[in-house]
PDB file of N, CA and C in Angstrom:
ATOM      1  N   MET A   1       5.316 -34.862  -0.155  1.00  0.00           N
ATOM      2  CA  MET A   1       5.444 -33.742  -1.073  1.00  0.00           C
ATOM      3  C   MET A   1       4.948 -32.477  -0.374  1.00  0.00           C
ATOM      4  N   GLY A   2       5.792 -31.455  -0.269  1.00  0.00           N
ATOM      5  CA  GLY A   2       5.440 -30.210   0.411  1.00  0.00           C
ATOM      6  C   GLY A   2       4.821 -29.192  -0.526  1.00  0.00           C
ATOM      7  N   ILE A   3       4.339 -28.134   0.055  1.00  0.00           N
ATOM      8  CA  ILE A   3       3.765 -27.043  -0.719  1.00  0.00           C
ATOM      9  C   ILE A   3       4.897 -26.208  -1.292  1.00  0.00           C
ATOM     10  N   LYS A   4       4.828 -25.963  -2.589  1.00  0.00           N
ATOM     11  CA  LYS A   4       5.858 -25.148  -3.228  1.00  0.00           C
ATOM     12  C   LYS A   4       5.421 -23.687  -3.230  1.00  0.00           C
ATOM     13  N   THR A   5       6.294 -22.827  -2.781  1.00  0.00           N
ATOM     14  CA  THR A   5       6.034 -21.391  -2.823  1.00  0.00           C
ATOM     15  C   THR A   5       7.208 -20.713  -3.493  1.00  0.00           C
ATOM     16  N   LYS A   6       6.905 -19.624  -4.160  1.00  0.00           N
ATOM     17  CA  LYS A   6       7.976 -18.829  -4.760  1.00  0.00           C
ATOM     18  C   LYS A   6       8.318 -17.711  -3.790  1.00  0.00           C
ATOM     19  N   GLU A   7       9.566 -17.617  -3.481  1.00  0.00           N
ATOM     20  CA  GLU A   7      10.030 -16.579  -2.572  1.00  0.00           C
ATOM     21  C   GLU A   7      11.341 -16.042  -3.108  1.00  0.00           C
ATOM     22  N   TYR A   8      11.455 -14.741  -3.115  1.00  0.00           N
ATOM     23  CA  TYR A   8      12.664 -14.097  -3.616  1.00  0.00           C
ATOM     24  C   TYR A   8      13.306 -13.305  -2.488  1.00  0.00           C
ATOM     25  N   ILE A   9      14.579 -13.408  -2.375  1.00  0.00           N
ATOM     26  CA  ILE A   9      15.323 -12.655  -1.365  1.00  0.00           C
ATOM     27  C   ILE A   9      16.222 -11.679  -2.099  1.00  0.00           C
ATOM     28  N   ILE A  10      16.071 -10.402  -1.766  1.00  0.00           N
ATOM     29  CA  ILE A  10      16.854  -9.349  -2.404  1.00  0.00           C
ATOM     30  C   ILE A  10      17.681  -8.670  -1.319  1.00  0.00           C
ATOM     31  N   ARG A  11      18.950  -8.583  -1.514  1.00  0.00           N
ATOM     32  CA  ARG A  11      19.818  -7.903  -0.548  1.00  0.00           C
ATOM     33  C   ARG A  11      20.157  -6.518  -1.084  1.00  0.00           C
ATOM     34  N   ILE A  12      19.943  -5.525  -0.232  1.00  0.00           N
ATOM     35  CA  ILE A  12      20.184  -4.135  -0.607  1.00  0.00           C
ATOM     36  C   ILE A  12      20.999  -3.492   0.511  1.00  0.00           C
ATOM     37  N   PRO A  13      22.047  -2.773   0.166  1.00  0.00           N
ATOM     38  CA  PRO A  13      22.842  -2.113   1.209  1.00  0.00           C
ATOM     39  C   PRO A  13      21.964  -1.168   2.039  1.00  0.00           C
ATOM     40  N   GLY A  14      22.286  -1.044   3.315  1.00  0.00           N
ATOM     41  CA  GLY A  14      21.492  -0.236   4.223  1.00  0.00           C
ATOM     42  C   GLY A  14      21.391   1.230   3.864  1.00  0.00           C
ATOM     43  N   ASP A  15      22.382   1.758   3.156  1.00  0.00           N
ATOM     44  CA  ASP A  15      22.350   3.181   2.816  1.00  0.00           C
ATOM     45  C   ASP A  15      21.559   3.465   1.542  1.00  0.00           C
ATOM     46  N   VAL A  16      20.919   2.456   0.969  1.00  0.00           N
ATOM     47  CA  VAL A  16      20.192   2.626  -0.286  1.00  0.00           C
ATOM     48  C   VAL A  16      18.708   2.894  -0.047  1.00  0.00           C
ATOM     49  N   TYR A  17      18.199   2.601   1.144  1.00  0.00           N
ATOM     50  CA  TYR A  17      16.766   2.738   1.426  1.00  0.00           C
ATOM     51  C   TYR A  17      16.314   4.185   1.204  1.00  0.00           C
ATOM     52  N   THR A  18      15.378   4.355   0.316  1.00  0.00           N
ATOM     53  CA  THR A  18      14.869   5.678  -0.012  1.00  0.00           C
ATOM     54  C   THR A  18      13.346   5.633  -0.071  1.00  0.00           C
ATOM     55  N   LYS A  19      12.751   6.776  -0.369  1.00  0.00           N
ATOM     56  CA  LYS A  19      11.300   6.830  -0.544  1.00  0.00           C
ATOM     57  C   LYS A  19      10.862   5.924  -1.690  1.00  0.00           C
ATOM     58  N   ASP A  20      11.679   5.838  -2.729  1.00  0.00           N
ATOM     59  CA  ASP A  20      11.336   4.970  -3.855  1.00  0.00           C
ATOM     60  C   ASP A  20      11.288   3.509  -3.434  1.00  0.00           C
ATOM     61  N   MET A  21      12.195   3.109  -2.560  1.00  0.00           N
ATOM     62  CA  MET A  21      12.196   1.732  -2.069  1.00  0.00           C
ATOM     63  C   MET A  21      10.932   1.486  -1.247  1.00  0.00           C
ATOM     64  N   LYS A  22      10.548   2.447  -0.417  1.00  0.00           N
ATOM     65  CA  LYS A  22       9.338   2.304   0.386  1.00  0.00           C
ATOM     66  C   LYS A  22       8.125   2.170  -0.527  1.00  0.00           C
ATOM     67  N   ARG A  23       8.073   2.980  -1.569  1.00  0.00           N
ATOM     68  CA  ARG A  23       6.961   2.893  -2.516  1.00  0.00           C
ATOM     69  C   ARG A  23       6.911   1.521  -3.175  1.00  0.00           C
ATOM     70  N   MET A  24       8.078   0.971  -3.511  1.00  0.00           N
ATOM     71  CA  MET A  24       8.127  -0.349  -4.121  1.00  0.00           C
ATOM     72  C   MET A  24       7.599  -1.409  -3.151  1.00  0.00           C
ATOM     73  N   PHE A  25       8.015  -1.355  -1.886  1.00  0.00           N
ATOM     74  CA  PHE A  25       7.537  -2.316  -0.897  1.00  0.00           C
ATOM     75  C   PHE A  25       6.031  -2.165  -0.677  1.00  0.00           C
ATOM     76  N   ASP A  26       5.548  -0.928  -0.630  1.00  0.00           N
ATOM     77  CA  ASP A  26       4.111  -0.695  -0.480  1.00  0.00           C
ATOM     78  C   ASP A  26       3.344  -1.288  -1.656  1.00  0.00           C
ATOM     79  N   PHE A  27       3.886  -1.117  -2.868  1.00  0.00           N
ATOM     80  CA  PHE A  27       3.242  -1.666  -4.055  1.00  0.00           C
ATOM     81  C   PHE A  27       3.194  -3.191  -4.002  1.00  0.00           C
ATOM     82  N   LEU A  28       4.286  -3.823  -3.570  1.00  0.00           N
ATOM     83  CA  LEU A  28       4.318  -5.281  -3.473  1.00  0.00           C
ATOM     84  C   LEU A  28       3.322  -5.788  -2.428  1.00  0.00           C
ATOM     85  N   ARG A  29       3.201  -5.079  -1.303  1.00  0.00           N
ATOM     86  CA  ARG A  29       2.204  -5.451  -0.294  1.00  0.00           C
ATOM     87  C   ARG A  29       0.793  -5.317  -0.860  1.00  0.00           C
ATOM     88  N   TYR A  30       0.565  -4.236  -1.616  1.00  0.00           N
ATOM     89  CA  TYR A  30      -0.735  -4.007  -2.257  1.00  0.00           C
ATOM     90  C   TYR A  30      -1.064  -5.152  -3.212  1.00  0.00           C
ATOM     91  N   LYS A  31      -0.099  -5.544  -4.050  1.00  0.00           N
ATOM     92  CA  LYS A  31      -0.323  -6.624  -5.012  1.00  0.00           C
ATOM     93  C   LYS A  31      -0.676  -7.925  -4.297  1.00  0.00           C
ATOM     94  N   LYS A  32       0.006  -8.203  -3.200  1.00  0.00           N
ATOM     95  CA  LYS A  32      -0.274  -9.422  -2.445  1.00  0.00           C
ATOM     96  C   LYS A  32      -1.674  -9.362  -1.823  1.00  0.00           C
ATOM     97  N   ALA A  33      -2.026  -8.215  -1.269  1.00  0.00           N
ATOM     98  CA  ALA A  33      -3.310  -8.075  -0.587  1.00  0.00           C
ATOM     99  C   ALA A  33      -4.486  -8.119  -1.557  1.00  0.00           C
ATOM    100  N   THR A  34      -4.297  -7.655  -2.782  1.00  0.00           N
ATOM    101  CA  THR A  34      -5.399  -7.582  -3.744  1.00  0.00           C
ATOM    102  C   THR A  34      -5.376  -8.697  -4.779  1.00  0.00           C
ATOM    103  N   LYS A  35      -4.520  -9.650  -4.578  1.00  0.00           N
ATOM    104  CA  LYS A  35      -4.350 -10.735  -5.556  1.00  0.00           C
ATOM    105  C   LYS A  35      -5.672 -11.440  -5.871  1.00  0.00           C
ATOM    106  N   THR A  36      -6.496 -11.672  -4.885  1.00  0.00           N
ATOM    107  CA  THR A  36      -7.743 -12.400  -5.093  1.00  0.00           C
ATOM    108  C   THR A  36      -8.972 -11.492  -5.066  1.00  0.00           C
ATOM    109  N   SER A  37      -8.768 -10.183  -5.081  1.00  0.00           N
ATOM    110  CA  SER A  37      -9.882  -9.240  -5.022  1.00  0.00           C
ATOM    111  C   SER A  37     -10.680  -9.248  -6.321  1.00  0.00           C
ATOM    112  N   LYS A  38     -11.986  -9.108  -6.185  1.00  0.00           N
ATOM    113  CA  LYS A  38     -12.851  -9.028  -7.352  1.00  0.00           C
ATOM    114  C   LYS A  38     -13.389  -7.609  -7.543  1.00  0.00           C
ATOM    115  N   ALA A  39     -12.871  -6.673  -6.768  1.00  0.00           N
ATOM    116  CA  ALA A  39     -13.320  -5.282  -6.858  1.00  0.00           C
ATOM    117  C   ALA A  39     -12.795  -4.642  -8.137  1.00  0.00           C
ATOM    118  N   SER A  40     -13.623  -3.774  -8.722  1.00  0.00           N
ATOM    119  CA  SER A  40     -13.207  -3.071  -9.935  1.00  0.00           C
ATOM    120  C   SER A  40     -12.318  -1.881  -9.562  1.00  0.00           C
ATOM    121  N   SER A  41     -11.574  -1.408 -10.522  1.00  0.00           N
ATOM    122  CA  SER A  41     -10.707  -0.247 -10.284  1.00  0.00           C
ATOM    123  C   SER A  41     -11.533   0.961  -9.872  1.00  0.00           C
ATOM    124  N   LYS A  42     -12.711   1.112 -10.458  1.00  0.00           N
ATOM    125  CA  LYS A  42     -13.577   2.243 -10.126  1.00  0.00           C
ATOM    126  C   LYS A  42     -13.991   2.198  -8.653  1.00  0.00           C
ATOM    127  N   LYS A  43     -14.381   1.016  -8.160  1.00  0.00           N
ATOM    128  CA  LYS A  43     -14.777   0.879  -6.757  1.00  0.00           C
ATOM    129  C   LYS A  43     -13.594   1.149  -5.823  1.00  0.00           C
ATOM    130  N   ILE A  44     -12.433   0.691  -6.212  1.00  0.00           N
ATOM    131  CA  ILE A  44     -11.232   0.927  -5.403  1.00  0.00           C
ATOM    132  C   ILE A  44     -10.929   2.417  -5.335  1.00  0.00           C
ATOM    133  N   ASP A  45     -11.009   3.115  -6.476  1.00  0.00           N
ATOM    134  CA  ASP A  45     -10.764   4.561  -6.499  1.00  0.00           C
ATOM    135  C   ASP A  45     -11.766   5.301  -5.619  1.00  0.00           C
ATOM    136  N   GLU A  46     -13.036   4.874  -5.642  1.00  0.00           N
ATOM    137  CA  GLU A  46     -14.047   5.512  -4.801  1.00  0.00           C
ATOM    138  C   GLU A  46     -13.717   5.315  -3.315  1.00  0.00           C
ATOM    139  N   LEU A  47     -13.287   4.123  -2.967  1.00  0.00           N
ATOM    140  CA  LEU A  47     -12.928   3.838  -1.578  1.00  0.00           C
ATOM    141  C   LEU A  47     -11.716   4.657  -1.146  1.00  0.00           C
ATOM    142  N   VAL A  48     -10.718   4.756  -2.005  1.00  0.00           N
ATOM    143  CA  VAL A  48      -9.518   5.546  -1.705  1.00  0.00           C
ATOM    144  C   VAL A  48      -9.889   7.005  -1.483  1.00  0.00           C
ATOM    145  N   ASP A  49     -10.755   7.549  -2.342  1.00  0.00           N
ATOM    146  CA  ASP A  49     -11.185   8.939  -2.184  1.00  0.00           C
ATOM    147  C   ASP A  49     -11.906   9.145  -0.853  1.00  0.00           C
ATOM    148  N   ALA A  50     -12.762   8.198  -0.492  1.00  0.00           N
ATOM    149  CA  ALA A  50     -13.497   8.310   0.779  1.00  0.00           C
ATOM    150  C   ALA A  50     -12.544   8.275   1.968  1.00  0.00           C
ATOM    151  N   VAL A  51     -11.560   7.410   1.919  1.00  0.00           N
ATOM    152  CA  VAL A  51     -10.586   7.314   3.016  1.00  0.00           C
ATOM    153  C   VAL A  51      -9.769   8.585   3.111  1.00  0.00           C
ATOM    154  N   ARG A  52      -9.335   9.100   1.971  1.00  0.00           N
ATOM    155  CA  ARG A  52      -8.543  10.339   1.983  1.00  0.00           C
ATOM    156  C   ARG A  52      -9.333  11.489   2.574  1.00  0.00           C
ATOM    157  N   LYS A  53     -10.595  11.606   2.198  1.00  0.00           N
ATOM    158  CA  LYS A  53     -11.435  12.689   2.732  1.00  0.00           C
ATOM    159  C   LYS A  53     -11.615  12.538   4.234  1.00  0.00           C
ATOM    160  N   SER A  54     -11.839  11.314   4.700  1.00  0.00           N
ATOM    161  CA  SER A  54     -12.062  11.108   6.132  1.00  0.00           C
ATOM    162  C   SER A  54     -10.790  11.357   6.937  1.00  0.00           C
ATOM    163  N   ARG A  55      -9.635  11.176   6.335  1.00  0.00           N
ATOM    164  CA  ARG A  55      -8.373  11.423   7.045  1.00  0.00           C
ATOM    165  C   ARG A  55      -8.036  12.906   7.049  1.00  0.00           C
ATOM    166  N   LYS A  56      -8.399  13.646   6.016  1.00  0.00           N
ATOM    167  CA  LYS A  56      -8.060  15.063   5.934  1.00  0.00           C
ATOM    168  C   LYS A  56      -8.927  15.909   6.852  1.00  0.00           C
ATOM    169  N   GLU A  57     -10.215  15.630   6.893  1.00  0.00           N
ATOM    170  CA  GLU A  57     -11.131  16.486   7.644  1.00  0.00           C
ATOM    171  C   GLU A  57     -10.765  16.616   9.125  1.00  0.00           C
ATOM    172  N   PRO A  58     -10.504  15.530   9.854  1.00  0.00           N
ATOM    173  CA  PRO A  58     -10.133  15.697  11.268  1.00  0.00           C
ATOM    174  C   PRO A  58      -8.829  16.471  11.454  1.00  0.00           C
ATOM    175  N   LYS A  59      -7.875  16.278  10.565  1.00  0.00           N
ATOM    176  CA  LYS A  59      -6.612  17.008  10.684  1.00  0.00           C
ATOM    177  C   LYS A  59      -6.838  18.502  10.475  1.00  0.00           C
ATOM    178  N   GLN A  60      -7.670  18.848   9.510  1.00  0.00           N
ATOM    179  CA  GLN A  60      -7.954  20.260   9.257  1.00  0.00           C
ATOM    180  C   GLN A  60      -8.677  20.873  10.436  1.00  0.00           C
ATOM    181  N   ALA A  61      -9.591  20.121  11.036  1.00  0.00           N
ATOM    182  CA  ALA A  61     -10.337  20.637  12.181  1.00  0.00           C
ATOM    183  C   ALA A  61      -9.422  20.885  13.375  1.00  0.00           C
ATOM    184  N   LEU A  62      -8.423  20.037  13.555  1.00  0.00           N
ATOM    185  CA  LEU A  62      -7.510  20.191  14.685  1.00  0.00           C
ATOM    186  C   LEU A  62      -6.655  21.450  14.566  1.00  0.00           C
ATOM    187  N   ARG A  63      -6.431  21.942  13.367  1.00  0.00           N
ATOM    188  CA  ARG A  63      -5.614  23.151  13.205  1.00  0.00           C
ATOM    189  C   ARG A  63      -6.258  24.366  13.849  1.00  0.00           C
ATOM    190  N   TYR A  64      -7.580  24.366  13.927  1.00  0.00           N
ATOM    191  CA  TYR A  64      -8.281  25.537  14.450  1.00  0.00           C
ATOM    192  C   TYR A  64      -8.513  25.473  15.947  1.00  0.00           C
ATOM    193  N   LEU A  65      -8.126  24.392  16.594  1.00  0.00           N
ATOM    194  CA  LEU A  65      -8.315  24.288  18.049  1.00  0.00           C
ATOM    195  C   LEU A  65      -7.218  25.013  18.806  1.00  0.00           C
TER     196      LEU A  65
END
């Protein structure tokens, strides 16, 4: 008896790929990655804010060089 997994295959024409499709794929990756997470939404939001700030500051500093 093998391990049963659910897998879905979706075929989409090549000319349909848009930003919305990318967002959907990103969301699905997020759901898979956080499936077993015990972190609260508040902690996740705090982490996201910290990452965004750390990514913006070096870019802003480079503009003045």
